[in-house]
């Protein structure tokens, strides 16, 4: 592996700074995750939406933390996809959102 790739992987694995707001969001999200554990269908999810500068990008760290936790729990399950991240413009329609999910899944 090239040195640049190793550095990028190292920085990608740095822990999130846990402010009080981040702790509250993580706790609430963990509750959602626990509620989903035994669900077969109609699983609960979370969408982040808000004006510029309200912390949406910071909250993506929650998804990152969940992704890392799941990958640690199931290291050999390469087909598991615990987090999906898509972005759409502010005036996005439900159809545009569906198209982004379709693009993500190929």
C-alpha atoms as a PDB file:
ATOM      1  CA  UNK A   1       0.000   0.000   0.000  1.00  0.00           C
ATOM      2  CA  UNK A   2       1.326   3.420  -0.864  1.00  0.00           C
ATOM      3  CA  UNK A   3       2.257   5.824   1.918  1.00  0.00           C
ATOM      4  CA  UNK A   4      -0.447   8.312   0.844  1.00  0.00           C
ATOM      5  CA  UNK A   5      -3.148   5.619   1.077  1.00  0.00           C
ATOM      6  CA  UNK A   6      -1.923   4.568   4.523  1.00  0.00           C
ATOM      7  CA  UNK A   7      -2.095   8.173   5.724  1.00  0.00           C
ATOM      8  CA  UNK A   8      -5.614   8.575   4.338  1.00  0.00           C
ATOM      9  CA  UNK A   9      -6.774   5.394   6.066  1.00  0.00           C
ATOM     10  CA  UNK A  10      -5.195   6.542   9.324  1.00  0.00           C
ATOM     11  CA  UNK A  11      -6.986   9.908   9.208  1.00  0.00           C
ATOM     12  CA  UNK A  12     -10.276   8.284   8.208  1.00  0.00           C
ATOM     13  CA  UNK A  13     -10.146   6.183  11.385  1.00  0.00           C
ATOM     14  CA  UNK A  14      -9.587   9.061  13.812  1.00  0.00           C
ATOM     15  CA  UNK A  15     -12.267   9.246  16.509  1.00  0.00           C
ATOM     16  CA  UNK A  16     -15.055  11.809  16.496  1.00  0.00           C
ATOM     17  CA  UNK A  17     -14.894  14.691  18.983  1.00  0.00           C
ATOM     18  CA  UNK A  18     -17.806  14.086  21.343  1.00  0.00           C
ATOM     19  CA  UNK A  19     -19.505  17.331  22.233  1.00  0.00           C
ATOM     20  CA  UNK A  20     -22.709  17.291  24.342  1.00  0.00           C
ATOM     21  CA  UNK A  21     -24.856  17.599  21.200  1.00  0.00           C
ATOM     22  CA  UNK A  22     -22.994  14.763  19.488  1.00  0.00           C
ATOM     23  CA  UNK A  23     -23.489  12.589  22.589  1.00  0.00           C
ATOM     24  CA  UNK A  24     -27.238  13.285  22.570  1.00  0.00           C
ATOM     25  CA  UNK A  25     -27.571  12.498  18.873  1.00  0.00           C
ATOM     26  CA  UNK A  26     -25.522   9.313  19.268  1.00  0.00           C
ATOM     27  CA  UNK A  27     -27.702   8.199  22.211  1.00  0.00           C
ATOM     28  CA  UNK A  28     -30.912   8.860  20.271  1.00  0.00           C
ATOM     29  CA  UNK A  29     -29.552   7.090  17.218  1.00  0.00           C
ATOM     30  CA  UNK A  30     -28.459   4.086  19.252  1.00  0.00           C
ATOM     31  CA  UNK A  31     -32.040   3.825  20.470  1.00  0.00           C
ATOM     32  CA  UNK A  32     -33.200   3.733  16.829  1.00  0.00           C
ATOM     33  CA  UNK A  33     -30.636   1.043  16.102  1.00  0.00           C
ATOM     34  CA  UNK A  34     -31.766  -1.033  19.097  1.00  0.00           C
ATOM     35  CA  UNK A  35     -35.393  -0.717  18.013  1.00  0.00           C
ATOM     36  CA  UNK A  36     -34.388  -2.061  14.599  1.00  0.00           C
ATOM     37  CA  UNK A  37     -32.534  -5.120  15.854  1.00  0.00           C
ATOM     38  CA  UNK A  38     -35.479  -7.523  15.740  1.00  0.00           C
ATOM     39  CA  UNK A  39     -37.442  -5.868  12.956  1.00  0.00           C
ATOM     40  CA  UNK A  40     -38.008  -7.804   9.760  1.00  0.00           C
ATOM     41  CA  UNK A  41     -39.624  -4.948   7.872  1.00  0.00           C
ATOM     42  CA  UNK A  42     -40.553  -1.307   8.490  1.00  0.00           C
ATOM     43  CA  UNK A  43     -37.204  -0.519  10.057  1.00  0.00           C
ATOM     44  CA  UNK A  44     -36.692   2.921  11.512  1.00  0.00           C
ATOM     45  CA  UNK A  45     -34.168   5.198   9.848  1.00  0.00           C
ATOM     46  CA  UNK A  46     -32.927   8.737  10.021  1.00  0.00           C
ATOM     47  CA  UNK A  47     -32.697  11.518   7.480  1.00  0.00           C
ATOM     48  CA  UNK A  48     -30.665  14.641   8.080  1.00  0.00           C
ATOM     49  CA  UNK A  49     -32.082  17.788   6.619  1.00  0.00           C
ATOM     50  CA  UNK A  50     -31.499  21.427   7.392  1.00  0.00           C
ATOM     51  CA  UNK A  51     -30.182  24.760   6.299  1.00  0.00           C
ATOM     52  CA  UNK A  52     -26.553  25.370   5.519  1.00  0.00           C
ATOM     53  CA  UNK A  53     -24.364  25.511   8.613  1.00  0.00           C
ATOM     54  CA  UNK A  54     -26.692  23.558  10.904  1.00  0.00           C
ATOM     55  CA  UNK A  55     -24.342  20.611  11.410  1.00  0.00           C
ATOM     56  CA  UNK A  56     -25.492  18.031   8.895  1.00  0.00           C
ATOM     57  CA  UNK A  57     -21.932  17.193   7.876  1.00  0.00           C
ATOM     58  CA  UNK A  58     -20.941  16.832  11.521  1.00  0.00           C
ATOM     59  CA  UNK A  59     -23.831  14.443  12.030  1.00  0.00           C
ATOM     60  CA  UNK A  60     -22.576  12.238   9.220  1.00  0.00           C
ATOM     61  CA  UNK A  61     -19.950  11.250  11.774  1.00  0.00           C
ATOM     62  CA  UNK A  62     -22.750   9.380  13.512  1.00  0.00           C
ATOM     63  CA  UNK A  63     -23.206   7.283  10.392  1.00  0.00           C
ATOM     64  CA  UNK A  64     -19.462   6.765  10.249  1.00  0.00           C
ATOM     65  CA  UNK A  65     -19.356   5.644  13.889  1.00  0.00           C
ATOM     66  CA  UNK A  66     -22.227   3.211  13.292  1.00  0.00           C
ATOM     67  CA  UNK A  67     -20.590   1.872  10.131  1.00  0.00           C
ATOM     68  CA  UNK A  68     -17.313   1.225  11.971  1.00  0.00           C
ATOM     69  CA  UNK A  69     -19.119  -0.444  14.891  1.00  0.00           C
ATOM     70  CA  UNK A  70     -21.046  -2.767  12.588  1.00  0.00           C
ATOM     71  CA  UNK A  71     -17.940  -3.625  10.560  1.00  0.00           C
ATOM     72  CA  UNK A  72     -16.111  -4.409  13.819  1.00  0.00           C
ATOM     73  CA  UNK A  73     -19.001  -6.601  14.974  1.00  0.00           C
ATOM     74  CA  UNK A  74     -19.274  -8.446  11.624  1.00  0.00           C
ATOM     75  CA  UNK A  75     -15.758  -8.247  10.125  1.00  0.00           C
ATOM     76  CA  UNK A  76     -16.252 -11.034   7.582  1.00  0.00           C
ATOM     77  CA  UNK A  77     -19.652  -9.909   6.266  1.00  0.00           C
ATOM     78  CA  UNK A  78     -18.626  -7.963   3.165  1.00  0.00           C
ATOM     79  CA  UNK A  79     -22.246  -7.759   1.929  1.00  0.00           C
ATOM     80  CA  UNK A  80     -23.531  -5.842   4.958  1.00  0.00           C
ATOM     81  CA  UNK A  81     -24.367  -2.200   4.210  1.00  0.00           C
ATOM     82  CA  UNK A  82     -25.310  -0.472   7.488  1.00  0.00           C
ATOM     83  CA  UNK A  83     -25.127   3.132   6.250  1.00  0.00           C
ATOM     84  CA  UNK A  84     -26.203   4.801   3.031  1.00  0.00           C
ATOM     85  CA  UNK A  85     -25.122   8.385   2.380  1.00  0.00           C
ATOM     86  CA  UNK A  86     -26.576  10.448  -0.442  1.00  0.00           C
ATOM     87  CA  UNK A  87     -26.786  14.190  -0.984  1.00  0.00           C
ATOM     88  CA  UNK A  88     -29.441  16.102  -2.851  1.00  0.00           C
ATOM     89  CA  UNK A  89     -29.927  19.822  -3.520  1.00  0.00           C
ATOM     90  CA  UNK A  90     -32.076  21.884  -1.125  1.00  0.00           C
ATOM     91  CA  UNK A  91     -35.137  21.829  -3.419  1.00  0.00           C
ATOM     92  CA  UNK A  92     -34.967  18.068  -3.970  1.00  0.00           C
ATOM     93  CA  UNK A  93     -38.152  16.149  -4.616  1.00  0.00           C
ATOM     94  CA  UNK A  94     -38.893  12.639  -3.332  1.00  0.00           C
ATOM     95  CA  UNK A  95     -38.211  11.407  -6.872  1.00  0.00           C
ATOM     96  CA  UNK A  96     -34.752  13.024  -6.834  1.00  0.00           C
ATOM     97  CA  UNK A  97     -34.008  11.381  -3.500  1.00  0.00           C
ATOM     98  CA  UNK A  98     -35.142   7.999  -4.836  1.00  0.00           C
ATOM     99  CA  UNK A  99     -32.904   8.503  -7.873  1.00  0.00           C
ATOM    100  CA  UNK A 100     -29.907   9.191  -5.618  1.00  0.00           C
ATOM    101  CA  UNK A 101     -30.572   6.013  -3.675  1.00  0.00           C
ATOM    102  CA  UNK A 102     -30.839   4.108  -6.966  1.00  0.00           C
ATOM    103  CA  UNK A 103     -27.548   5.636  -8.121  1.00  0.00           C
ATOM    104  CA  UNK A 104     -25.900   4.647  -4.830  1.00  0.00           C
ATOM    105  CA  UNK A 105     -27.028   1.043  -5.183  1.00  0.00           C
ATOM    106  CA  UNK A 106     -26.101   0.927  -8.865  1.00  0.00           C
END
